């Protein structure tokens, strides 16, 4: 059975507790439908698929606002615990219901301080809040390749600054002071020759250790004295 919901301008401040999955502040499960202009300030607890607005949603969630604590073993999300597709960008901070987040992308190319050229897709995150002004926040950026390591390049005026990001699961955590940031996430590739030299050095050290150990443990051979006539 599929559940269709249309929820508009709904507010919840009560605590929501579910013994199983699909716990949400506004809707537990929404297979298709539309939820917009909703707010939740009540804490939500469930086994899995726990969300501030919807526990599980394949429908449209638009202009919803959440400020609550979420508890679950897996698939826990600020807006939706499970939505069929993991969002590329999430923004974490203290915002009013009128706050808006804008994400724009553009291919870019730049040179670092050593003159090396880098290129990639630049993301610009802008948070506007008519109540709280330009808030400091944290951007959660989902890694394009979850198994890879990434270096962040942050644009500051006409300069790009290299940063090592914090990692939270499949997301990179990026501090966004003043509610606006432009960055490029560059996948870090291993230096093949460096890896080869390190491996060769380890093997050489192991071989030397084995040779020295054998020499140290080898018993000396004594020749018995000859009998005198």
Protein backbone atom coordinates (compact mmCIF):
# COMPACT_ATOMS: atom_id res chain seq x y z
CA UNK A 1 0.00 0.00 0.00
CA UNK A 2 1.31 3.45 -0.93
CA UNK A 3 0.62 6.52 1.15
CA UNK A 4 -0.10 9.87 -0.51
CA UNK A 5 0.03 12.99 1.66
CA UNK A 6 -0.56 16.67 1.03
CA UNK A 7 0.48 18.70 4.09
CA UNK A 8 0.57 22.49 4.00
CA UNK A 9 1.47 25.00 6.71
CA UNK A 10 1.57 22.44 9.52
CA UNK A 11 3.39 22.93 12.85
CA UNK A 12 4.35 20.37 15.48
CA UNK A 13 6.00 20.91 18.86
CA UNK A 14 5.19 17.57 20.50
CA UNK A 15 7.63 14.71 21.04
CA UNK A 16 7.35 11.86 18.55
CA UNK A 17 8.39 8.33 19.55
CA UNK A 18 8.11 5.25 17.32
CA UNK A 19 8.99 1.70 18.29
CA UNK A 20 9.91 0.79 14.73
CA UNK A 21 10.96 2.68 11.61
CA UNK A 22 9.54 5.75 9.81
CA UNK A 23 9.32 8.37 12.54
CA UNK A 24 8.82 11.99 11.50
CA UNK A 25 7.85 15.25 13.13
CA UNK A 26 5.15 15.92 10.51
CA UNK A 27 4.77 12.63 8.61
CA UNK A 28 6.06 9.15 9.32
CA UNK A 29 5.88 7.88 5.73
CA UNK A 30 5.02 9.56 2.45
CA UNK A 31 5.35 7.47 -0.71
CA UNK A 32 4.30 10.38 -2.90
CA UNK A 33 2.69 13.75 -2.33
CA UNK A 34 3.62 17.27 -1.29
CA UNK A 35 4.62 18.80 2.05
CA UNK A 36 5.38 22.52 2.23
CA UNK A 37 5.74 25.37 4.73
CA UNK A 38 5.83 23.01 7.72
CA UNK A 39 7.70 23.41 11.00
CA UNK A 40 8.73 20.93 13.67
CA UNK A 41 10.32 21.65 17.06
CA UNK A 42 9.44 18.33 18.71
CA UNK A 43 12.14 15.72 19.29
CA UNK A 44 11.79 12.55 17.18
CA UNK A 45 12.91 9.05 18.19
CA UNK A 46 12.67 5.81 16.22
CA UNK A 47 14.52 2.65 15.29
CA UNK A 48 15.48 3.84 11.80
CA UNK A 49 14.35 6.28 9.09
CA UNK A 50 14.02 9.18 11.51
CA UNK A 51 13.48 12.69 10.15
CA UNK A 52 12.58 16.11 11.45
CA UNK A 53 9.75 16.40 8.91
CA UNK A 54 9.33 12.92 7.43
CA UNK A 55 10.76 9.59 8.45
CA UNK A 56 10.54 8.20 4.91
CA UNK A 57 9.61 10.33 1.92
CA UNK A 58 9.63 9.83 -1.85
CA UNK A 59 7.48 12.92 -2.34
CA UNK A 60 8.28 16.64 -2.40
CA UNK A 61 9.39 18.47 0.75
CA UNK A 62 9.57 22.22 0.25
CA UNK A 63 10.26 25.21 2.53
CA UNK A 64 10.16 23.15 5.73
CA UNK A 65 11.91 24.16 8.94
CA UNK A 66 13.21 21.93 11.74
CA UNK A 67 14.84 22.50 15.11
CA UNK A 68 14.82 19.35 17.23
CA UNK A 69 16.83 16.38 18.47
CA UNK A 70 16.74 13.19 16.37
CA UNK A 71 17.51 9.71 17.68
CA UNK A 72 17.79 6.55 15.59
CA UNK A 73 20.16 3.71 14.73
CA UNK A 74 20.39 4.44 10.98
CA UNK A 75 19.00 6.68 8.23
CA UNK A 76 18.57 9.76 10.42
CA UNK A 77 18.15 13.10 8.66
CA UNK A 78 17.33 16.66 9.65
CA UNK A 79 14.44 16.91 7.19
CA UNK A 80 13.93 13.30 6.02
CA UNK A 81 15.48 10.13 7.35
CA UNK A 82 15.10 8.36 4.01
CA UNK A 83 14.24 10.12 0.78
CA UNK A 84 15.38 7.64 -1.86
CA UNK A 85 18.40 9.77 -2.77
CA UNK A 86 21.01 11.23 -0.42
CA UNK A 87 21.16 15.04 -0.78
CA UNK A 88 24.36 16.52 -2.17
CA UNK A 89 24.38 19.54 0.15
CA UNK A 90 23.01 20.03 3.66
CA UNK A 91 23.38 23.17 5.76
CA UNK A 92 23.48 22.99 9.55
CA UNK A 93 22.98 26.04 11.78
CA UNK A 94 20.48 28.24 13.61
CA UNK A 95 18.01 29.76 11.16
CA UNK A 96 14.59 31.34 11.21
CA UNK A 97 11.70 29.83 9.21
CA UNK A 98 12.25 32.56 6.59
CA UNK A 99 15.83 31.51 5.87
CA UNK A 100 16.70 30.33 2.38
CA UNK A 101 19.65 28.31 1.06
CA UNK A 102 20.87 28.79 -2.51
CA UNK A 103 23.30 26.42 -4.22
CA UNK A 104 24.92 27.31 -7.55
CA UNK A 105 27.63 25.48 -9.49
CA UNK A 106 30.12 26.46 -12.18
CA UNK A 107 33.15 24.83 -13.80
CA UNK A 108 36.30 26.66 -12.74
CA UNK A 109 40.07 26.57 -13.10
CA UNK A 110 42.66 28.21 -10.85
CA UNK A 111 46.31 28.10 -9.78
CA UNK A 112 47.54 27.51 -6.24
CA UNK A 113 50.40 29.28 -4.47
CA UNK A 114 52.95 26.92 -6.06
CA UNK A 115 51.68 27.61 -9.57
CA UNK A 116 49.96 24.26 -10.03
CA UNK A 117 46.71 24.35 -11.97
CA UNK A 118 43.51 22.84 -10.58
CA UNK A 119 40.07 22.54 -12.14
CA UNK A 120 36.70 21.23 -11.08
CA UNK A 121 33.12 22.06 -10.22
CA UNK A 122 32.85 25.00 -7.84
CA UNK A 123 29.92 25.11 -5.42
CA UNK A 124 28.68 28.41 -4.04
CA UNK A 125 26.47 28.12 -0.94
CA UNK A 126 24.55 31.21 0.17
CA UNK A 127 22.31 31.39 3.25
CA UNK A 128 20.05 34.42 3.61
CA UNK A 129 18.02 34.99 6.76
CA UNK A 130 15.94 38.19 7.15
CA UNK A 131 15.64 37.56 10.90
CA UNK A 132 19.12 36.46 12.01
CA UNK A 133 21.09 38.12 9.22
CA UNK A 134 24.12 36.30 7.76
CA UNK A 135 24.52 33.28 10.05
CA UNK A 136 27.63 31.19 10.59
CA UNK A 137 26.84 27.61 9.62
CA UNK A 138 28.30 24.26 8.59
CA UNK A 139 27.93 22.86 5.08
CA UNK A 140 27.67 19.07 4.74
CA UNK A 141 28.86 18.17 1.23
CA UNK A 142 28.38 14.57 0.05
CA UNK A 143 31.52 13.13 -1.50
CA UNK A 144 31.03 12.22 -5.19
CA UNK A 145 33.11 9.11 -4.53
CA UNK A 146 32.48 7.92 -0.99
CA UNK A 147 35.61 5.74 -0.96
CA UNK A 148 37.99 8.54 -2.02
CA UNK A 149 39.83 11.21 -0.07
CA UNK A 150 39.31 14.87 -0.90
CA UNK A 151 41.10 18.17 -0.56
CA UNK A 152 39.03 21.33 -0.27
CA UNK A 153 39.89 24.52 -2.06
CA UNK A 154 38.13 27.56 -0.56
CA UNK A 155 37.88 30.77 -2.55
CA UNK A 156 38.83 33.93 -0.68
CA UNK A 157 38.60 36.95 -2.97
CA UNK A 158 40.87 36.04 -5.91
CA UNK A 159 42.82 33.39 -3.99
CA UNK A 160 42.10 29.69 -3.43
CA UNK A 161 43.13 28.30 -0.03
CA UNK A 162 43.77 24.59 0.53
CA UNK A 163 42.04 22.91 3.48
CA UNK A 164 41.82 19.40 4.89
CA UNK A 165 38.13 18.81 5.60
CA UNK A 166 36.56 16.98 8.48
CA UNK A 167 34.68 13.86 7.42
CA UNK A 168 31.33 12.67 8.75
CA UNK A 169 30.46 9.40 7.05
CA UNK A 170 29.98 10.16 3.35
CA UNK A 171 29.98 13.94 3.94
CA UNK A 172 32.70 16.57 4.12
CA UNK A 173 32.12 19.21 6.81
CA UNK A 174 32.88 22.75 5.69
CA UNK A 175 32.67 25.80 7.95
CA UNK A 176 30.71 28.61 6.31
CA UNK A 177 31.25 31.92 8.15
CA UNK A 178 28.83 34.67 7.27
CA UNK A 179 26.51 32.34 5.41
CA UNK A 180 28.40 32.22 2.11
CA UNK A 181 31.22 30.09 0.73
CA UNK A 182 32.62 28.94 -2.62
CA UNK A 183 34.64 25.73 -2.72
CA UNK A 184 35.96 22.95 -4.93
CA UNK A 185 36.27 19.38 -3.62
CA UNK A 186 39.26 17.82 -5.38
CA UNK A 187 39.76 14.08 -5.20
CA UNK A 188 43.21 13.26 -3.83
CA UNK A 189 45.12 10.79 -5.98
CA UNK A 190 48.00 8.80 -4.54
CA UNK A 191 51.49 9.40 -5.93
CA UNK A 192 52.34 6.04 -7.56
CA UNK A 193 56.10 6.53 -7.35
CA UNK A 194 55.92 7.54 -3.69
CA UNK A 195 53.88 4.46 -2.86
CA UNK A 196 56.38 2.28 -4.78
CA UNK A 197 59.37 3.78 -2.94
CA UNK A 198 57.72 3.32 0.45
CA UNK A 199 56.86 -0.31 -0.35
CA UNK A 200 60.43 -0.96 -1.58
CA UNK A 201 61.87 0.60 1.57
CA UNK A 202 59.68 -1.60 3.78
CA UNK A 203 60.74 -4.75 1.90
CA UNK A 204 64.43 -3.79 2.10
CA UNK A 205 64.19 -3.14 5.85
CA UNK A 206 62.47 -6.51 6.34
CA UNK A 207 65.20 -8.31 4.34
CA UNK A 208 67.97 -6.67 6.37
CA UNK A 209 66.21 -7.61 9.61
CA UNK A 210 65.92 -11.27 8.54
CA UNK A 211 69.62 -11.44 7.59
CA UNK A 212 70.75 -9.92 10.87
CA UNK A 213 68.43 -12.17 12.85
CA UNK A 214 69.78 -15.29 11.15
CA UNK A 215 73.36 -14.25 11.80
CA UNK A 216 72.57 -13.57 15.45
CA UNK A 217 70.81 -16.90 16.03
CA UNK A 218 73.24 -19.08 14.06
CA UNK A 219 75.17 -21.43 16.38
CA UNK A 220 78.95 -21.34 16.03
CA UNK A 221 80.51 -24.55 14.60
CA UNK A 222 83.39 -25.91 16.72
CA UNK A 223 85.92 -28.31 15.20
CA UNK A 224 86.92 -31.06 17.69
CA UNK A 225 90.63 -31.12 18.54
CA UNK A 226 92.75 -33.76 16.86
CA UNK A 227 93.96 -36.66 18.98
CA UNK A 228 97.71 -36.68 19.66
CA UNK A 229 99.70 -39.85 18.85
